[in-house]
């Protein structure tokens, strides 16, 4: 998640007065996306199975490239 300006290649959403932009191609790969705000910040979940991630990924959220 990052601050960005919308482009022609993005879908634009407004939910509870928050504006979100998501790259159209990326959205097709990971939909659905859910963004929650918790006491610790934003929590983002998607339709991607995190169990299929690379073996060097850690439980702290960092991952290989």
PDB file of N, CA and C in Angstrom:
ATOM      1  N   UNK A   1       0.844  -1.147   0.000  1.00  0.00           N
ATOM      2  CA  UNK A   1       0.000   0.000   0.000  1.00  0.00           C
ATOM      3  C   UNK A   1       0.903   1.227   0.000  1.00  0.00           C
ATOM      4  N   UNK A   2       0.554   2.202  -0.855  1.00  0.00           N
ATOM      5  CA  UNK A   2       1.363   3.409  -0.977  1.00  0.00           C
ATOM      6  C   UNK A   2       0.501   4.556  -1.477  1.00  0.00           C
ATOM      7  N   UNK A   3       0.929   5.749  -1.224  1.00  0.00           N
ATOM      8  CA  UNK A   3       0.257   6.916  -1.779  1.00  0.00           C
ATOM      9  C   UNK A   3       0.609   7.006  -3.250  1.00  0.00           C
ATOM     10  N   UNK A   4      -0.385   7.304  -4.079  1.00  0.00           N
ATOM     11  CA  UNK A   4      -0.155   7.370  -5.510  1.00  0.00           C
ATOM     12  C   UNK A   4      -1.247   8.218  -6.139  1.00  0.00           C
ATOM     13  N   UNK A   5      -1.019   8.642  -7.341  1.00  0.00           N
ATOM     14  CA  UNK A   5      -2.015   9.352  -8.127  1.00  0.00           C
ATOM     15  C   UNK A   5      -2.654   8.358  -9.094  1.00  0.00           C
ATOM     16  N   UNK A   6      -3.972   8.473  -9.326  1.00  0.00           N
ATOM     17  CA  UNK A   6      -4.630   7.539 -10.241  1.00  0.00           C
ATOM     18  C   UNK A   6      -4.122   7.685 -11.676  1.00  0.00           C
ATOM     19  N   UNK A   7      -4.092   6.549 -12.359  1.00  0.00           N
ATOM     20  CA  UNK A   7      -3.684   6.486 -13.762  1.00  0.00           C
ATOM     21  C   UNK A   7      -4.803   5.816 -14.552  1.00  0.00           C
ATOM     22  N   UNK A   8      -4.716   5.861 -15.859  1.00  0.00           N
ATOM     23  CA  UNK A   8      -5.726   5.210 -16.701  1.00  0.00           C
ATOM     24  C   UNK A   8      -5.753   3.705 -16.491  1.00  0.00           C
ATOM     25  N   UNK A   9      -4.664   3.142 -15.984  1.00  0.00           N
ATOM     26  CA  UNK A   9      -4.571   1.696 -15.784  1.00  0.00           C
ATOM     27  C   UNK A   9      -5.063   1.266 -14.399  1.00  0.00           C
ATOM     28  N   UNK A  10      -5.701   2.182 -13.654  1.00  0.00           N
ATOM     29  CA  UNK A  10      -6.162   1.897 -12.296  1.00  0.00           C
ATOM     30  C   UNK A  10      -7.685   1.864 -12.202  1.00  0.00           C
ATOM     31  N   UNK A  11      -8.180   1.034 -11.293  1.00  0.00           N
ATOM     32  CA  UNK A  11      -9.569   1.112 -10.848  1.00  0.00           C
ATOM     33  C   UNK A  11      -9.594   2.066  -9.669  1.00  0.00           C
ATOM     34  N   UNK A  12     -10.661   2.860  -9.557  1.00  0.00           N
ATOM     35  CA  UNK A  12     -10.772   3.826  -8.473  1.00  0.00           C
ATOM     36  C   UNK A  12     -11.988   3.489  -7.619  1.00  0.00           C
ATOM     37  N   UNK A  13     -11.807   3.488  -6.297  1.00  0.00           N
ATOM     38  CA  UNK A  13     -12.878   3.144  -5.361  1.00  0.00           C
ATOM     39  C   UNK A  13     -12.910   4.176  -4.241  1.00  0.00           C
ATOM     40  N   UNK A  14     -14.112   4.483  -3.749  1.00  0.00           N
ATOM     41  CA  UNK A  14     -14.271   5.297  -2.552  1.00  0.00           C
ATOM     42  C   UNK A  14     -15.122   4.500  -1.583  1.00  0.00           C
ATOM     43  N   UNK A  15     -14.570   4.228  -0.399  1.00  0.00           N
ATOM     44  CA  UNK A  15     -15.264   3.448   0.627  1.00  0.00           C
ATOM     45  C   UNK A  15     -15.139   4.220   1.934  1.00  0.00           C
ATOM     46  N   UNK A  16     -16.281   4.559   2.544  1.00  0.00           N
ATOM     47  CA  UNK A  16     -16.286   5.306   3.809  1.00  0.00           C
ATOM     48  C   UNK A  16     -15.388   6.538   3.742  1.00  0.00           C
ATOM     49  N   UNK A  17     -15.491   7.284   2.666  1.00  0.00           N
ATOM     50  CA  UNK A  17     -14.727   8.518   2.429  1.00  0.00           C
ATOM     51  C   UNK A  17     -13.223   8.305   2.266  1.00  0.00           C
ATOM     52  N   UNK A  18     -12.766   7.067   2.144  1.00  0.00           N
ATOM     53  CA  UNK A  18     -11.375   6.780   1.815  1.00  0.00           C
ATOM     54  C   UNK A  18     -11.316   6.467   0.330  1.00  0.00           C
ATOM     55  N   UNK A  19     -10.330   7.028  -0.347  1.00  0.00           N
ATOM     56  CA  UNK A  19     -10.170   6.769  -1.781  1.00  0.00           C
ATOM     57  C   UNK A  19      -9.048   5.765  -1.975  1.00  0.00           C
ATOM     58  N   UNK A  20      -9.332   4.743  -2.783  1.00  0.00           N
ATOM     59  CA  UNK A  20      -8.365   3.690  -3.086  1.00  0.00           C
ATOM     60  C   UNK A  20      -8.200   3.614  -4.593  1.00  0.00           C
ATOM     61  N   UNK A  21      -6.981   3.372  -5.025  1.00  0.00           N
ATOM     62  CA  UNK A  21      -6.728   3.059  -6.430  1.00  0.00           C
ATOM     63  C   UNK A  21      -5.960   1.747  -6.479  1.00  0.00           C
ATOM     64  N   UNK A  22      -6.351   0.905  -7.417  1.00  0.00           N
ATOM     65  CA  UNK A  22      -5.709  -0.401  -7.571  1.00  0.00           C
ATOM     66  C   UNK A  22      -5.468  -0.626  -9.059  1.00  0.00           C
ATOM     67  N   UNK A  23      -4.253  -1.000  -9.396  1.00  0.00           N
ATOM     68  CA  UNK A  23      -3.922  -1.313 -10.772  1.00  0.00           C
ATOM     69  C   UNK A  23      -4.860  -2.400 -11.275  1.00  0.00           C
ATOM     70  N   UNK A  24      -5.450  -2.198 -12.448  1.00  0.00           N
ATOM     71  CA  UNK A  24      -6.448  -3.136 -12.992  1.00  0.00           C
ATOM     72  C   UNK A  24      -5.894  -4.548 -13.166  1.00  0.00           C
ATOM     73  N   UNK A  25      -4.684  -4.673 -13.708  1.00  0.00           N
ATOM     74  CA  UNK A  25      -4.088  -6.001 -13.909  1.00  0.00           C
ATOM     75  C   UNK A  25      -3.821  -6.694 -12.577  1.00  0.00           C
ATOM     76  N   UNK A  26      -3.307  -5.936 -11.606  1.00  0.00           N
ATOM     77  CA  UNK A  26      -3.047  -6.487 -10.280  1.00  0.00           C
ATOM     78  C   UNK A  26      -4.349  -6.947  -9.623  1.00  0.00           C
ATOM     79  N   UNK A  27      -5.400  -6.152  -9.764  1.00  0.00           N
ATOM     80  CA  UNK A  27      -6.697  -6.492  -9.163  1.00  0.00           C
ATOM     81  C   UNK A  27      -7.215  -7.824  -9.702  1.00  0.00           C
ATOM     82  N   UNK A  28      -7.040  -8.072 -10.987  1.00  0.00           N
ATOM     83  CA  UNK A  28      -7.496  -9.329 -11.578  1.00  0.00           C
ATOM     84  C   UNK A  28      -6.774 -10.529 -10.977  1.00  0.00           C
ATOM     85  N   UNK A  29      -5.525 -10.353 -10.578  1.00  0.00           N
ATOM     86  CA  UNK A  29      -4.732 -11.448 -10.024  1.00  0.00           C
ATOM     87  C   UNK A  29      -5.036 -11.723  -8.557  1.00  0.00           C
ATOM     88  N   UNK A  30      -5.421 -10.697  -7.801  1.00  0.00           N
ATOM     89  CA  UNK A  30      -5.532 -10.862  -6.343  1.00  0.00           C
ATOM     90  C   UNK A  30      -6.946 -10.680  -5.786  1.00  0.00           C
ATOM     91  N   UNK A  31      -7.919 -10.366  -6.621  1.00  0.00           N
ATOM     92  CA  UNK A  31      -9.251 -10.062  -6.095  1.00  0.00           C
ATOM     93  C   UNK A  31      -9.858 -11.254  -5.388  1.00  0.00           C
ATOM     94  N   UNK A  32     -10.661 -11.042  -4.412  1.00  0.00           N
ATOM     95  CA  UNK A  32     -11.032  -9.748  -3.841  1.00  0.00           C
ATOM     96  C   UNK A  32      -9.959  -9.229  -2.886  1.00  0.00           C
ATOM     97  N   UNK A  33      -9.932  -7.912  -2.712  1.00  0.00           N
ATOM     98  CA  UNK A  33      -9.034  -7.267  -1.764  1.00  0.00           C
ATOM     99  C   UNK A  33      -9.885  -6.678  -0.637  1.00  0.00           C
ATOM    100  N   UNK A  34      -9.401  -6.823   0.584  1.00  0.00           N
ATOM    101  CA  UNK A  34     -10.083  -6.246   1.739  1.00  0.00           C
ATOM    102  C   UNK A  34      -9.070  -5.416   2.520  1.00  0.00           C
ATOM    103  N   UNK A  35      -9.447  -4.188   2.861  1.00  0.00           N
ATOM    104  CA  UNK A  35      -8.588  -3.303   3.641  1.00  0.00           C
ATOM    105  C   UNK A  35      -9.325  -2.976   4.928  1.00  0.00           C
ATOM    106  N   UNK A  36      -8.724  -3.315   6.055  1.00  0.00           N
ATOM    107  CA  UNK A  36      -9.283  -3.012   7.371  1.00  0.00           C
ATOM    108  C   UNK A  36      -8.316  -2.105   8.109  1.00  0.00           C
ATOM    109  N   UNK A  37      -8.854  -1.237   8.940  1.00  0.00           N
ATOM    110  CA  UNK A  37      -8.016  -0.402   9.790  1.00  0.00           C
ATOM    111  C   UNK A  37      -8.121  -0.937  11.205  1.00  0.00           C
ATOM    112  N   UNK A  38      -6.976  -1.279  11.795  1.00  0.00           N
ATOM    113  CA  UNK A  38      -6.943  -1.825  13.148  1.00  0.00           C
ATOM    114  C   UNK A  38      -6.194  -0.858  14.056  1.00  0.00           C
ATOM    115  N   UNK A  39      -6.094  -1.189  15.312  1.00  0.00           N
ATOM    116  CA  UNK A  39      -5.348  -0.361  16.263  1.00  0.00           C
ATOM    117  C   UNK A  39      -3.866  -0.292  15.888  1.00  0.00           C
ATOM    118  N   UNK A  40      -3.401  -1.227  15.064  1.00  0.00           N
ATOM    119  CA  UNK A  40      -1.993  -1.285  14.675  1.00  0.00           C
ATOM    120  C   UNK A  40      -1.749  -0.740  13.270  1.00  0.00           C
ATOM    121  N   UNK A  41      -2.778  -0.297  12.584  1.00  0.00           N
ATOM    122  CA  UNK A  41      -2.641   0.230  11.227  1.00  0.00           C
ATOM    123  C   UNK A  41      -3.530  -0.523  10.256  1.00  0.00           C
ATOM    124  N   UNK A  42      -3.191  -0.458   8.999  1.00  0.00           N
ATOM    125  CA  UNK A  42      -3.990  -1.112   7.968  1.00  0.00           C
ATOM    126  C   UNK A  42      -3.654  -2.588   7.875  1.00  0.00           C
ATOM    127  N   UNK A  43      -4.694  -3.391   7.668  1.00  0.00           N
ATOM    128  CA  UNK A  43      -4.532  -4.829   7.427  1.00  0.00           C
ATOM    129  C   UNK A  43      -5.128  -5.096   6.053  1.00  0.00           C
ATOM    130  N   UNK A  44      -4.331  -5.653   5.168  1.00  0.00           N
ATOM    131  CA  UNK A  44      -4.769  -5.912   3.801  1.00  0.00           C
ATOM    132  C   UNK A  44      -4.791  -7.412   3.574  1.00  0.00           C
ATOM    133  N   UNK A  45      -5.914  -7.899   3.074  1.00  0.00           N
ATOM    134  CA  UNK A  45      -6.008  -9.317   2.732  1.00  0.00           C
ATOM    135  C   UNK A  45      -6.551  -9.412   1.310  1.00  0.00           C
ATOM    136  N   UNK A  46      -6.271 -10.534   0.663  1.00  0.00           N
ATOM    137  CA  UNK A  46      -6.698 -10.702  -0.723  1.00  0.00           C
ATOM    138  C   UNK A  46      -7.010 -12.157  -1.006  1.00  0.00           C
ATOM    139  N   UNK A  47      -7.377 -12.415  -2.242  1.00  0.00           N
ATOM    140  CA  UNK A  47      -7.692 -13.762  -2.675  1.00  0.00           C
ATOM    141  C   UNK A  47      -6.467 -14.606  -2.962  1.00  0.00           C
ATOM    142  N   UNK A  48      -5.279 -14.083  -2.709  1.00  0.00           N
ATOM    143  CA  UNK A  48      -4.040 -14.830  -2.939  1.00  0.00           C
ATOM    144  C   UNK A  48      -3.829 -15.787  -1.784  1.00  0.00           C
ATOM    145  N   UNK A  49      -3.528 -17.030  -2.098  1.00  0.00           N
ATOM    146  CA  UNK A  49      -3.255 -18.039  -1.077  1.00  0.00           C
ATOM    147  C   UNK A  49      -1.834 -17.844  -0.571  1.00  0.00           C
ATOM    148  N   UNK A  50      -1.686 -17.321   0.637  1.00  0.00           N
ATOM    149  CA  UNK A  50      -0.344 -17.069   1.171  1.00  0.00           C
ATOM    150  C   UNK A  50       0.401 -18.369   1.466  1.00  0.00           C
ATOM    151  N   UNK A  51      -0.290 -19.484   1.513  1.00  0.00           N
ATOM    152  CA  UNK A  51       0.359 -20.768   1.719  1.00  0.00           C
ATOM    153  C   UNK A  51       1.183 -21.196   0.523  1.00  0.00           C
ATOM    154  N   UNK A  52       0.933 -20.571  -0.632  1.00  0.00           N
ATOM    155  CA  UNK A  52       1.697 -20.930  -1.831  1.00  0.00           C
ATOM    156  C   UNK A  52       2.889 -20.002  -2.035  1.00  0.00           C
ATOM    157  N   UNK A  53       3.201 -19.184  -1.039  1.00  0.00           N
ATOM    158  CA  UNK A  53       4.333 -18.261  -1.146  1.00  0.00           C
ATOM    159  C   UNK A  53       5.645 -19.032  -1.069  1.00  0.00           C
ATOM    160  N   UNK A  54       6.716 -18.345  -1.390  1.00  0.00           N
ATOM    161  CA  UNK A  54       8.018 -19.002  -1.406  1.00  0.00           C
ATOM    162  C   UNK A  54       8.413 -19.473  -0.007  1.00  0.00           C
ATOM    163  N   UNK A  55       9.288 -20.430   0.061  1.00  0.00           N
ATOM    164  CA  UNK A  55       9.638 -21.047   1.331  1.00  0.00           C
ATOM    165  C   UNK A  55      10.453 -20.146   2.240  1.00  0.00           C
ATOM    166  N   UNK A  56      11.075 -19.096   1.709  1.00  0.00           N
ATOM    167  CA  UNK A  56      11.886 -18.218   2.544  1.00  0.00           C
ATOM    168  C   UNK A  56      11.085 -17.070   3.142  1.00  0.00           C
ATOM    169  N   UNK A  57       9.779 -17.024   2.879  1.00  0.00           N
ATOM    170  CA  UNK A  57       8.942 -15.975   3.460  1.00  0.00           C
ATOM    171  C   UNK A  57       8.854 -16.178   4.972  1.00  0.00           C
ATOM    172  N   UNK A  58       8.835 -15.085   5.682  1.00  0.00           N
ATOM    173  CA  UNK A  58       8.757 -15.192   7.136  1.00  0.00           C
ATOM    174  C   UNK A  58       7.357 -14.862   7.611  1.00  0.00           C
ATOM    175  N   UNK A  59       7.055 -15.167   8.819  1.00  0.00           N
ATOM    176  CA  UNK A  59       5.752 -14.894   9.397  1.00  0.00           C
ATOM    177  C   UNK A  59       5.600 -13.436   9.755  1.00  0.00           C
ATOM    178  N   UNK A  60       6.656 -12.636   9.624  1.00  0.00           N
ATOM    179  CA  UNK A  60       6.570 -11.227   9.937  1.00  0.00           C
ATOM    180  C   UNK A  60       6.094 -10.417   8.744  1.00  0.00           C
ATOM    181  N   UNK A  61       5.864 -11.041   7.618  1.00  0.00           N
ATOM    182  CA  UNK A  61       5.344 -10.348   6.468  1.00  0.00           C
ATOM    183  C   UNK A  61       6.371 -10.055   5.393  1.00  0.00           C
ATOM    184  N   UNK A  62       7.641 -10.277   5.654  1.00  0.00           N
ATOM    185  CA  UNK A  62       8.629 -10.056   4.603  1.00  0.00           C
ATOM    186  C   UNK A  62       8.673 -11.272   3.698  1.00  0.00           C
ATOM    187  N   UNK A  63       9.092 -11.048   2.465  1.00  0.00           N
ATOM    188  CA  UNK A  63       9.071 -12.152   1.504  1.00  0.00           C
ATOM    189  C   UNK A  63      10.194 -11.994   0.501  1.00  0.00           C
ATOM    190  N   UNK A  64      10.507 -13.088  -0.125  1.00  0.00           N
ATOM    191  CA  UNK A  64      11.507 -13.068  -1.176  1.00  0.00           C
ATOM    192  C   UNK A  64      10.923 -12.405  -2.412  1.00  0.00           C
ATOM    193  N   UNK A  65      11.763 -12.092  -3.368  1.00  0.00           N
ATOM    194  CA  UNK A  65      11.260 -11.486  -4.602  1.00  0.00           C
ATOM    195  C   UNK A  65      11.400 -12.445  -5.762  1.00  0.00           C
TER     196      UNK A  65
END
